[in-house]
Amino acid sequence: MEPIEQYVKLLEKSIPSETMFIEALQDLMKDEIKEYIKEKIDKNVELKKEIKEAIKQYLEAKLKEVNAITMLSKVAAELGLAIMPADLKDQFLKSLVSVFSKEIDKTIDKTI
């Protein structure tokens, strides 16, 4: 490859692509829209309170959802253990304890 071709290829690679410019413009537009919305919200105190309350309720609902999923997982694990044959259950529990103790040891080592 001739030096001029290498130079042109290097130049092409170093020039930002049009995608980068489009993404930058999109980010600028998003910022402008956010600023416009924030100004409108700040002018309407009642609307601002409603938005805060809605966000609070939404986050509480998400936490309840996570809690429910955790409870379902626990119940499913308990059910699995209840229907498991005794010898397999003992083997499974030993493996489980081994895995958790290794993870606990790693966590303790990281914190100390």
C-alpha atoms as a PDB file:
ATOM      1  CA  MET A   1       0.000   0.000   0.000  1.00  0.00           C
ATOM      2  CA  GLU A   2       1.334   3.385  -0.943  1.00  0.00           C
ATOM      3  CA  PRO A   3       1.925   6.034   1.735  1.00  0.00           C
ATOM      4  CA  ILE A   4      -0.785   8.298   0.304  1.00  0.00           C
ATOM      5  CA  GLU A   5      -3.378   5.507   0.568  1.00  0.00           C
ATOM      6  CA  GLN A   6      -2.355   4.838   4.158  1.00  0.00           C
ATOM      7  CA  TYR A   7      -2.629   8.547   4.919  1.00  0.00           C
ATOM      8  CA  VAL A   8      -6.131   8.770   3.414  1.00  0.00           C
ATOM      9  CA  LYS A   9      -7.320   5.689   5.334  1.00  0.00           C
ATOM     10  CA  LEU A  10      -5.897   7.071   8.569  1.00  0.00           C
ATOM     11  CA  LEU A  11      -7.571  10.410   7.882  1.00  0.00           C
ATOM     12  CA  GLU A  12     -10.931   8.684   7.230  1.00  0.00           C
ATOM     13  CA  LYS A  13     -10.680   6.807  10.534  1.00  0.00           C
ATOM     14  CA  SER A  14      -9.851   9.934  12.517  1.00  0.00           C
ATOM     15  CA  ILE A  15     -12.726  12.046  11.181  1.00  0.00           C
ATOM     16  CA  PRO A  16     -15.862  11.622  13.309  1.00  0.00           C
ATOM     17  CA  SER A  17     -18.618   9.748  11.553  1.00  0.00           C
ATOM     18  CA  GLU A  18     -21.980  11.253  10.703  1.00  0.00           C
ATOM     19  CA  THR A  19     -23.530   8.906  13.270  1.00  0.00           C
ATOM     20  CA  MET A  20     -21.580  10.661  15.990  1.00  0.00           C
ATOM     21  CA  PHE A  21     -22.927  14.048  14.866  1.00  0.00           C
ATOM     22  CA  ILE A  22     -26.488  12.729  14.709  1.00  0.00           C
ATOM     23  CA  GLU A  23     -26.187  11.265  18.224  1.00  0.00           C
ATOM     24  CA  ALA A  24     -24.766  14.549  19.504  1.00  0.00           C
ATOM     25  CA  LEU A  25     -27.674  16.472  17.969  1.00  0.00           C
ATOM     26  CA  GLN A  26     -30.150  14.007  19.472  1.00  0.00           C
ATOM     27  CA  ASP A  27     -28.554  14.507  22.895  1.00  0.00           C
ATOM     28  CA  LEU A  28     -28.815  18.283  22.505  1.00  0.00           C
ATOM     29  CA  MET A  29     -32.478  17.987  21.523  1.00  0.00           C
ATOM     30  CA  LYS A  30     -33.175  15.739  24.531  1.00  0.00           C
ATOM     31  CA  ASP A  31     -31.513  18.288  26.816  1.00  0.00           C
ATOM     32  CA  GLU A  32     -33.622  21.101  25.361  1.00  0.00           C
ATOM     33  CA  ILE A  33     -36.815  19.068  25.757  1.00  0.00           C
ATOM     34  CA  LYS A  34     -35.908  18.169  29.349  1.00  0.00           C
ATOM     35  CA  GLU A  35     -35.227  21.818  30.136  1.00  0.00           C
ATOM     36  CA  TYR A  36     -38.546  22.895  28.587  1.00  0.00           C
ATOM     37  CA  ILE A  37     -40.488  20.259  30.546  1.00  0.00           C
ATOM     38  CA  LYS A  38     -38.677  21.148  33.777  1.00  0.00           C
ATOM     39  CA  GLU A  39     -39.568  24.827  33.334  1.00  0.00           C
ATOM     40  CA  LYS A  40     -43.254  23.939  32.827  1.00  0.00           C
ATOM     41  CA  ILE A  41     -43.249  21.674  35.889  1.00  0.00           C
ATOM     42  CA  ASP A  42     -41.520  24.272  38.058  1.00  0.00           C
ATOM     43  CA  LYS A  43     -44.197  26.830  37.143  1.00  0.00           C
ATOM     44  CA  ASN A  44     -47.033  24.514  38.227  1.00  0.00           C
ATOM     45  CA  VAL A  45     -46.577  23.606  41.915  1.00  0.00           C
ATOM     46  CA  GLU A  46     -49.620  21.306  41.992  1.00  0.00           C
ATOM     47  CA  LEU A  47     -48.411  19.366  38.961  1.00  0.00           C
ATOM     48  CA  LYS A  48     -44.964  19.068  40.529  1.00  0.00           C
ATOM     49  CA  LYS A  49     -46.504  17.568  43.690  1.00  0.00           C
ATOM     50  CA  GLU A  50     -48.548  15.105  41.616  1.00  0.00           C
ATOM     51  CA  ILE A  51     -45.467  14.016  39.679  1.00  0.00           C
ATOM     52  CA  LYS A  52     -43.503  13.466  42.899  1.00  0.00           C
ATOM     53  CA  GLU A  53     -46.360  11.427  44.366  1.00  0.00           C
ATOM     54  CA  ALA A  54     -46.718   9.367  41.187  1.00  0.00           C
ATOM     55  CA  ILE A  55     -42.985   8.626  41.134  1.00  0.00           C
ATOM     56  CA  LYS A  56     -43.102   7.677  44.810  1.00  0.00           C
ATOM     57  CA  GLN A  57     -45.997   5.288  44.213  1.00  0.00           C
ATOM     58  CA  TYR A  58     -44.281   3.842  41.147  1.00  0.00           C
ATOM     59  CA  LEU A  59     -41.067   3.126  43.063  1.00  0.00           C
ATOM     60  CA  GLU A  60     -43.023   1.602  45.951  1.00  0.00           C
ATOM     61  CA  ALA A  61     -44.864  -0.643  43.475  1.00  0.00           C
ATOM     62  CA  LYS A  62     -41.567  -1.749  41.942  1.00  0.00           C
ATOM     63  CA  LEU A  63     -40.209  -2.598  45.396  1.00  0.00           C
ATOM     64  CA  LYS A  64     -43.369  -4.572  46.163  1.00  0.00           C
ATOM     65  CA  GLU A  65     -42.946  -6.396  42.847  1.00  0.00           C
ATOM     66  CA  VAL A  66     -39.359  -7.340  43.709  1.00  0.00           C
ATOM     67  CA  ASN A  67     -40.500  -8.475  47.149  1.00  0.00           C
ATOM     68  CA  ALA A  68     -43.271 -10.618  45.630  1.00  0.00           C
ATOM     69  CA  ILE A  69     -40.837 -12.186  43.147  1.00  0.00           C
ATOM     70  CA  THR A  70     -38.457 -12.955  46.008  1.00  0.00           C
ATOM     71  CA  MET A  71     -41.259 -14.543  48.009  1.00  0.00           C
ATOM     72  CA  LEU A  72     -42.343 -16.631  45.009  1.00  0.00           C
ATOM     73  CA  SER A  73     -38.767 -17.787  44.481  1.00  0.00           C
ATOM     74  CA  LYS A  74     -38.493 -18.782  48.129  1.00  0.00           C
ATOM     75  CA  VAL A  75     -41.773 -20.694  47.998  1.00  0.00           C
ATOM     76  CA  ALA A  76     -40.737 -22.436  44.789  1.00  0.00           C
ATOM     77  CA  ALA A  77     -37.438 -23.457  46.386  1.00  0.00           C
ATOM     78  CA  GLU A  78     -39.245 -24.755  49.472  1.00  0.00           C
ATOM     79  CA  LEU A  79     -41.663 -26.699  47.277  1.00  0.00           C
ATOM     80  CA  GLY A  80     -38.769 -28.146  45.308  1.00  0.00           C
ATOM     81  CA  LEU A  81     -37.101 -29.269  48.516  1.00  0.00           C
ATOM     82  CA  ALA A  82     -40.363 -30.728  49.842  1.00  0.00           C
ATOM     83  CA  ILE A  83     -40.884 -32.952  46.793  1.00  0.00           C
ATOM     84  CA  MET A  84     -37.230 -33.940  46.432  1.00  0.00           C
ATOM     85  CA  PRO A  85     -36.178 -37.441  47.546  1.00  0.00           C
ATOM     86  CA  ALA A  86     -34.316 -37.385  50.896  1.00  0.00           C
ATOM     87  CA  ASP A  87     -30.923 -38.560  49.580  1.00  0.00           C
ATOM     88  CA  LEU A  88     -30.981 -36.084  46.712  1.00  0.00           C
ATOM     89  CA  LYS A  89     -32.170 -33.359  49.097  1.00  0.00           C
ATOM     90  CA  ASP A  90     -29.183 -33.917  51.418  1.00  0.00           C
ATOM     91  CA  GLN A  91     -26.759 -33.816  48.494  1.00  0.00           C
ATOM     92  CA  PHE A  92     -28.380 -30.663  47.123  1.00  0.00           C
ATOM     93  CA  LEU A  93     -28.318 -28.872  50.485  1.00  0.00           C
ATOM     94  CA  LYS A  94     -24.633 -29.718  50.996  1.00  0.00           C
ATOM     95  CA  SER A  95     -23.818 -28.315  47.558  1.00  0.00           C
ATOM     96  CA  LEU A  96     -25.881 -25.229  48.241  1.00  0.00           C
ATOM     97  CA  VAL A  97     -24.194 -24.585  51.585  1.00  0.00           C
ATOM     98  CA  SER A  98     -20.798 -25.055  49.935  1.00  0.00           C
ATOM     99  CA  VAL A  99     -21.570 -22.485  47.232  1.00  0.00           C
ATOM    100  CA  PHE A 100     -22.910 -19.944  49.723  1.00  0.00           C
ATOM    101  CA  SER A 101     -20.030 -20.376  52.135  1.00  0.00           C
ATOM    102  CA  LYS A 102     -17.558 -19.770  49.281  1.00  0.00           C
ATOM    103  CA  GLU A 103     -19.411 -16.609  48.292  1.00  0.00           C
ATOM    104  CA  ILE A 104     -19.593 -15.433  51.910  1.00  0.00           C
ATOM    105  CA  ASP A 105     -15.848 -16.053  52.299  1.00  0.00           C
ATOM    106  CA  LYS A 106     -15.161 -14.016  49.133  1.00  0.00           C
ATOM    107  CA  THR A 107     -17.337 -11.168  50.416  1.00  0.00           C
ATOM    108  CA  ILE A 108     -15.636 -11.187  53.812  1.00  0.00           C
ATOM    109  CA  ASP A 109     -12.206 -11.205  52.187  1.00  0.00           C
ATOM    110  CA  LYS A 110     -13.173  -8.210  50.038  1.00  0.00           C
ATOM    111  CA  THR A 111     -14.438  -6.201  53.015  1.00  0.00           C
ATOM    112  CA  ILE A 112     -11.494  -6.911  55.267  1.00  0.00           C
END
